Amino acid sequence: MIKEALFKKVMGKFTTGIAIVTTLDANQKPFGLTINAFSSLSLDPPMVLFCLAKKTRFYSHLGNQSHFTINILADTQTDLSIHFAKPFFGDQWDNIDFEFGKNNCPQLKNALGIIECEKGAIYNGGDHDIILGKVQDLKLTDAQPLLYFSGKYCALKIEA
């Protein structure tokens, strides 16, 4: 039997980027969640996927919506990652610099990349689901990525 703590420790050795997936709740108010299980899936047609724990509040909000946006975080946005990773009560978007995209989902200002998606198929993945997104629009900045390794945030160091 695989021990959960060891599994988490080993998986934590895989460096990931950090993103915030956003959509609207049933009252059409913005809602977001920090994720790191995210990947491109297909070039033709352009598709992405992310994994979402079934027990999160975001899961129920996404079920009511046809669209979502992936906000890939820049290395200056650790505070946003922490903010959207916590359970939240009240207005999650107080003091958050964002705008609505073409798909009416929130887009975080100064994010490294923005991927607007139409929700596609959803597949069972144990205590998570695998959510497919059909890419509809993209934005890109020249910022550096926020990374996560071994339970800590870190930045990419590029040597000339």
C-alpha atoms as a PDB file:
ATOM      1  CA  MET A   1       0.000   0.000   0.000  1.00  0.00           C
ATOM      2  CA  ILE A   2       1.263   3.476  -0.921  1.00  0.00           C
ATOM      3  CA  LYS A   3       1.503   5.875   2.027  1.00  0.00           C
ATOM      4  CA  GLU A   4      -0.135   9.234   1.279  1.00  0.00           C
ATOM      5  CA  ALA A   5       2.627  11.272   2.956  1.00  0.00           C
ATOM      6  CA  LEU A   6       5.357   9.573   0.912  1.00  0.00           C
ATOM      7  CA  PHE A   7       3.323   9.935  -2.282  1.00  0.00           C
ATOM      8  CA  LYS A   8       2.962  13.691  -1.658  1.00  0.00           C
ATOM      9  CA  LYS A   9       6.668  14.019  -0.868  1.00  0.00           C
ATOM     10  CA  VAL A  10       7.753  12.223  -4.046  1.00  0.00           C
ATOM     11  CA  MET A  11       5.272  14.153  -6.227  1.00  0.00           C
ATOM     12  CA  GLY A  12       6.485  17.397  -4.630  1.00  0.00           C
ATOM     13  CA  LYS A  13       9.860  16.779  -6.257  1.00  0.00           C
ATOM     14  CA  PHE A  14       8.269  17.449  -9.642  1.00  0.00           C
ATOM     15  CA  THR A  15       8.561  21.191 -10.220  1.00  0.00           C
ATOM     16  CA  THR A  16       5.309  22.735 -11.408  1.00  0.00           C
ATOM     17  CA  GLY A  17       4.034  26.095 -12.477  1.00  0.00           C
ATOM     18  CA  ILE A  18       1.194  27.688 -10.563  1.00  0.00           C
ATOM     19  CA  ALA A  19      -2.077  28.874 -12.045  1.00  0.00           C
ATOM     20  CA  ILE A  20      -5.418  30.135 -10.854  1.00  0.00           C
ATOM     21  CA  VAL A  21      -8.494  28.787 -12.584  1.00  0.00           C
ATOM     22  CA  THR A  22     -11.427  31.212 -12.585  1.00  0.00           C
ATOM     23  CA  THR A  23     -15.091  31.048 -13.431  1.00  0.00           C
ATOM     24  CA  LEU A  24     -18.361  32.504 -12.142  1.00  0.00           C
ATOM     25  CA  ASP A  25     -20.473  31.087  -9.341  1.00  0.00           C
ATOM     26  CA  ALA A  26     -24.235  30.428  -9.605  1.00  0.00           C
ATOM     27  CA  ASN A  27     -24.861  34.142  -8.846  1.00  0.00           C
ATOM     28  CA  GLN A  28     -22.478  35.156 -11.666  1.00  0.00           C
ATOM     29  CA  LYS A  29     -19.847  36.390  -9.192  1.00  0.00           C
ATOM     30  CA  PRO A  30     -16.143  35.659  -9.825  1.00  0.00           C
ATOM     31  CA  PHE A  31     -14.590  32.635  -8.158  1.00  0.00           C
ATOM     32  CA  GLY A  32     -11.033  31.298  -8.363  1.00  0.00           C
ATOM     33  CA  LEU A  33      -8.809  28.482  -7.138  1.00  0.00           C
ATOM     34  CA  THR A  34      -5.050  27.905  -7.170  1.00  0.00           C
ATOM     35  CA  ILE A  35      -3.990  24.829  -9.158  1.00  0.00           C
ATOM     36  CA  ASN A  36      -0.734  23.201 -10.192  1.00  0.00           C
ATOM     37  CA  ALA A  37      -2.041  20.044 -11.895  1.00  0.00           C
ATOM     38  CA  PHE A  38      -2.348  21.688 -15.314  1.00  0.00           C
ATOM     39  CA  SER A  39      -1.110  20.792 -18.797  1.00  0.00           C
ATOM     40  CA  SER A  40      -1.513  21.371 -22.491  1.00  0.00           C
ATOM     41  CA  LEU A  41      -3.367  18.480 -24.113  1.00  0.00           C
ATOM     42  CA  SER A  42      -3.757  19.049 -27.843  1.00  0.00           C
ATOM     43  CA  LEU A  43      -2.522  21.435 -30.526  1.00  0.00           C
ATOM     44  CA  ASP A  44      -5.261  20.637 -33.044  1.00  0.00           C
ATOM     45  CA  PRO A  45      -7.695  21.585 -31.694  1.00  0.00           C
ATOM     46  CA  PRO A  46      -5.960  23.581 -28.958  1.00  0.00           C
ATOM     47  CA  MET A  47      -6.919  22.056 -25.598  1.00  0.00           C
ATOM     48  CA  VAL A  48      -5.681  22.084 -22.003  1.00  0.00           C
ATOM     49  CA  LEU A  49      -6.516  20.080 -18.912  1.00  0.00           C
ATOM     50  CA  PHE A  50      -6.396  20.577 -15.180  1.00  0.00           C
ATOM     51  CA  CYS A  51      -7.215  18.365 -12.246  1.00  0.00           C
ATOM     52  CA  LEU A  52      -9.719  19.472  -9.634  1.00  0.00           C
ATOM     53  CA  ALA A  53     -10.477  17.910  -6.251  1.00  0.00           C
ATOM     54  CA  LYS A  54     -14.136  16.939  -6.099  1.00  0.00           C
ATOM     55  CA  LYS A  55     -14.465  18.299  -2.549  1.00  0.00           C
ATOM     56  CA  THR A  56     -13.542  21.925  -3.393  1.00  0.00           C
ATOM     57  CA  ARG A  57     -16.104  24.731  -3.512  1.00  0.00           C
ATOM     58  CA  PHE A  58     -14.794  25.555  -6.975  1.00  0.00           C
ATOM     59  CA  TYR A  59     -15.982  22.160  -8.214  1.00  0.00           C
ATOM     60  CA  SER A  60     -19.645  23.054  -7.666  1.00  0.00           C
ATOM     61  CA  HIS A  61     -19.196  26.484  -9.277  1.00  0.00           C
ATOM     62  CA  LEU A  62     -17.568  25.028 -12.378  1.00  0.00           C
ATOM     63  CA  GLY A  63     -20.423  22.544 -12.746  1.00  0.00           C
ATOM     64  CA  ASN A  64     -22.832  25.435 -13.361  1.00  0.00           C
ATOM     65  CA  GLN A  65     -20.672  27.148 -15.974  1.00  0.00           C
ATOM     66  CA  SER A  66     -19.677  26.500 -19.572  1.00  0.00           C
ATOM     67  CA  HIS A  67     -16.413  28.481 -19.457  1.00  0.00           C
ATOM     68  CA  PHE A  68     -13.333  28.994 -17.317  1.00  0.00           C
ATOM     69  CA  THR A  69      -9.999  30.802 -17.558  1.00  0.00           C
ATOM     70  CA  ILE A  70      -6.539  29.595 -16.579  1.00  0.00           C
ATOM     71  CA  ASN A  71      -4.325  32.412 -15.239  1.00  0.00           C
ATOM     72  CA  ILE A  72      -0.670  31.293 -15.285  1.00  0.00           C
ATOM     73  CA  LEU A  73       1.065  33.154 -12.462  1.00  0.00           C
ATOM     74  CA  ALA A  74       4.187  35.270 -12.742  1.00  0.00           C
ATOM     75  CA  ASP A  75       6.943  35.099 -10.127  1.00  0.00           C
ATOM     76  CA  THR A  76       5.604  38.308  -8.551  1.00  0.00           C
ATOM     77  CA  GLN A  77       2.216  36.724  -7.776  1.00  0.00           C
ATOM     78  CA  THR A  78       2.954  34.383  -4.862  1.00  0.00           C
ATOM     79  CA  ASP A  79       0.446  36.317  -2.747  1.00  0.00           C
ATOM     80  CA  LEU A  80      -2.313  35.540  -5.260  1.00  0.00           C
ATOM     81  CA  SER A  81      -1.442  31.856  -5.235  1.00  0.00           C
ATOM     82  CA  ILE A  82      -1.697  31.764  -1.450  1.00  0.00           C
ATOM     83  CA  HIS A  83      -4.904  33.833  -1.429  1.00  0.00           C
ATOM     84  CA  PHE A  84      -6.758  31.591  -3.893  1.00  0.00           C
ATOM     85  CA  ALA A  85      -5.479  28.376  -2.275  1.00  0.00           C
ATOM     86  CA  LYS A  86      -7.264  29.102   1.027  1.00  0.00           C
ATOM     87  CA  PRO A  87     -10.918  28.404   1.800  1.00  0.00           C
ATOM     88  CA  PHE A  88     -12.640  31.729   1.421  1.00  0.00           C
ATOM     89  CA  PHE A  89     -15.718  33.282   2.938  1.00  0.00           C
ATOM     90  CA  GLY A  90     -16.931  36.715   1.905  1.00  0.00           C
ATOM     91  CA  ASP A  91     -15.764  38.495  -1.248  1.00  0.00           C
ATOM     92  CA  GLN A  92     -12.798  36.544  -2.571  1.00  0.00           C
ATOM     93  CA  TRP A  93     -12.026  39.320  -5.054  1.00  0.00           C
ATOM     94  CA  ASP A  94     -11.655  42.289  -2.684  1.00  0.00           C
ATOM     95  CA  ASN A  95      -8.447  44.149  -3.575  1.00  0.00           C
ATOM     96  CA  ILE A  96      -7.653  41.807  -6.491  1.00  0.00           C
ATOM     97  CA  ASP A  97      -6.627  43.500  -9.752  1.00  0.00           C
ATOM     98  CA  PHE A  98      -8.593  41.763 -12.514  1.00  0.00           C
ATOM     99  CA  GLU A  99     -10.799  42.261 -15.537  1.00  0.00           C
ATOM    100  CA  PHE A 100     -13.358  40.106 -17.295  1.00  0.00           C
ATOM    101  CA  GLY A 101     -12.276  38.325 -20.462  1.00  0.00           C
ATOM    102  CA  LYS A 102     -14.179  37.541 -23.625  1.00  0.00           C
ATOM    103  CA  ASN A 103     -15.696  34.487 -21.932  1.00  0.00           C
ATOM    104  CA  ASN A 104     -16.795  36.678 -18.977  1.00  0.00           C
ATOM    105  CA  CYS A 105     -14.429  34.896 -16.560  1.00  0.00           C
ATOM    106  CA  PRO A 106     -11.962  36.845 -14.418  1.00  0.00           C
ATOM    107  CA  GLN A 107      -8.459  37.440 -15.736  1.00  0.00           C
ATOM    108  CA  LEU A 108      -5.749  38.410 -13.285  1.00  0.00           C
ATOM    109  CA  LYS A 109      -3.768  41.472 -14.278  1.00  0.00           C
ATOM    110  CA  ASN A 110      -0.023  40.922 -14.775  1.00  0.00           C
ATOM    111  CA  ALA A 111      -0.386  37.139 -15.112  1.00  0.00           C
ATOM    112  CA  LEU A 112       2.266  35.414 -17.216  1.00  0.00           C
ATOM    113  CA  GLY A 113      -0.383  33.875 -19.458  1.00  0.00           C
ATOM    114  CA  ILE A 114      -4.168  33.816 -19.829  1.00  0.00           C
ATOM    115  CA  ILE A 115      -6.032  30.899 -21.417  1.00  0.00           C
ATOM    116  CA  GLU A 116      -9.760  31.342 -21.972  1.00  0.00           C
ATOM    117  CA  CYS A 117     -11.587  28.035 -22.356  1.00  0.00           C
ATOM    118  CA  GLU A 118     -14.914  26.473 -23.071  1.00  0.00           C
ATOM    119  CA  LYS A 119     -15.433  23.582 -20.679  1.00  0.00           C
ATOM    120  CA  GLY A 120     -15.059  20.227 -22.424  1.00  0.00           C
ATOM    121  CA  ALA A 121     -15.288  16.664 -21.176  1.00  0.00           C
ATOM    122  CA  ILE A 122     -14.790  15.746 -17.526  1.00  0.00           C
ATOM    123  CA  TYR A 123     -13.156  12.440 -16.566  1.00  0.00           C
ATOM    124  CA  ASN A 124     -13.035  10.675 -13.219  1.00  0.00           C
ATOM    125  CA  GLY A 125      -9.603  10.636 -11.593  1.00  0.00           C
ATOM    126  CA  GLY A 126     -10.175   9.184  -8.119  1.00  0.00           C
ATOM    127  CA  ASP A 127     -10.768  12.002  -5.626  1.00  0.00           C
ATOM    128  CA  HIS A 128     -10.175  14.490  -8.466  1.00  0.00           C
ATOM    129  CA  ASP A 129     -11.718  15.016 -11.873  1.00  0.00           C
ATOM    130  CA  ILE A 130      -9.786  15.800 -15.038  1.00  0.00           C
ATOM    131  CA  ILE A 131     -11.338  18.857 -16.696  1.00  0.00           C
ATOM    132  CA  LEU A 132     -10.694  19.470 -20.392  1.00  0.00           C
ATOM    133  CA  GLY A 133     -10.784  22.975 -21.805  1.00  0.00           C
ATOM    134  CA  LYS A 134     -11.210  23.965 -25.436  1.00  0.00           C
ATOM    135  CA  VAL A 135      -8.949  27.009 -25.838  1.00  0.00           C
ATOM    136  CA  GLN A 136     -10.761  30.034 -27.254  1.00  0.00           C
ATOM    137  CA  ASP A 137      -8.362  32.912 -26.611  1.00  0.00           C
ATOM    138  CA  LEU A 138      -4.842  33.522 -25.289  1.00  0.00           C
ATOM    139  CA  LYS A 139      -2.772  36.357 -23.818  1.00  0.00           C
ATOM    140  CA  LEU A 140       0.928  36.345 -22.989  1.00  0.00           C
ATOM    141  CA  THR A 141       3.334  38.647 -21.133  1.00  0.00           C
ATOM    142  CA  ASP A 142       7.109  38.475 -20.852  1.00  0.00           C
ATOM    143  CA  ALA A 143       7.115  37.943 -17.077  1.00  0.00           C
ATOM    144  CA  GLN A 144       8.925  35.054 -15.394  1.00  0.00           C
ATOM    145  CA  PRO A 145       6.957  32.049 -14.065  1.00  0.00           C
ATOM    146  CA  LEU A 146       6.064  31.285 -10.465  1.00  0.00           C
ATOM    147  CA  LEU A 147       7.214  27.749  -9.638  1.00  0.00           C
ATOM    148  CA  TYR A 148       6.491  25.270  -6.876  1.00  0.00           C
ATOM    149  CA  PHE A 149       9.000  22.673  -5.706  1.00  0.00           C
ATOM    150  CA  SER A 150       9.102  20.487  -2.601  1.00  0.00           C
ATOM    151  CA  GLY A 151       6.378  22.486  -0.851  1.00  0.00           C
ATOM    152  CA  LYS A 152       7.916  25.897  -1.539  1.00  0.00           C
ATOM    153  CA  TYR A 153       7.512  28.689  -4.044  1.00  0.00           C
ATOM    154  CA  CYS A 154      10.537  29.469  -6.152  1.00  0.00           C
ATOM    155  CA  ALA A 155      11.536  31.435  -9.230  1.00  0.00           C
ATOM    156  CA  LEU A 156      13.267  30.360 -12.401  1.00  0.00           C
ATOM    157  CA  LYS A 157      16.894  31.384 -12.539  1.00  0.00           C
ATOM    158  CA  ILE A 158      18.085  31.807 -16.112  1.00  0.00           C
ATOM    159  CA  GLU A 159      21.806  32.147 -16.571  1.00  0.00           C
ATOM    160  CA  ALA A 160      23.096  34.033 -19.587  1.00  0.00           C
END
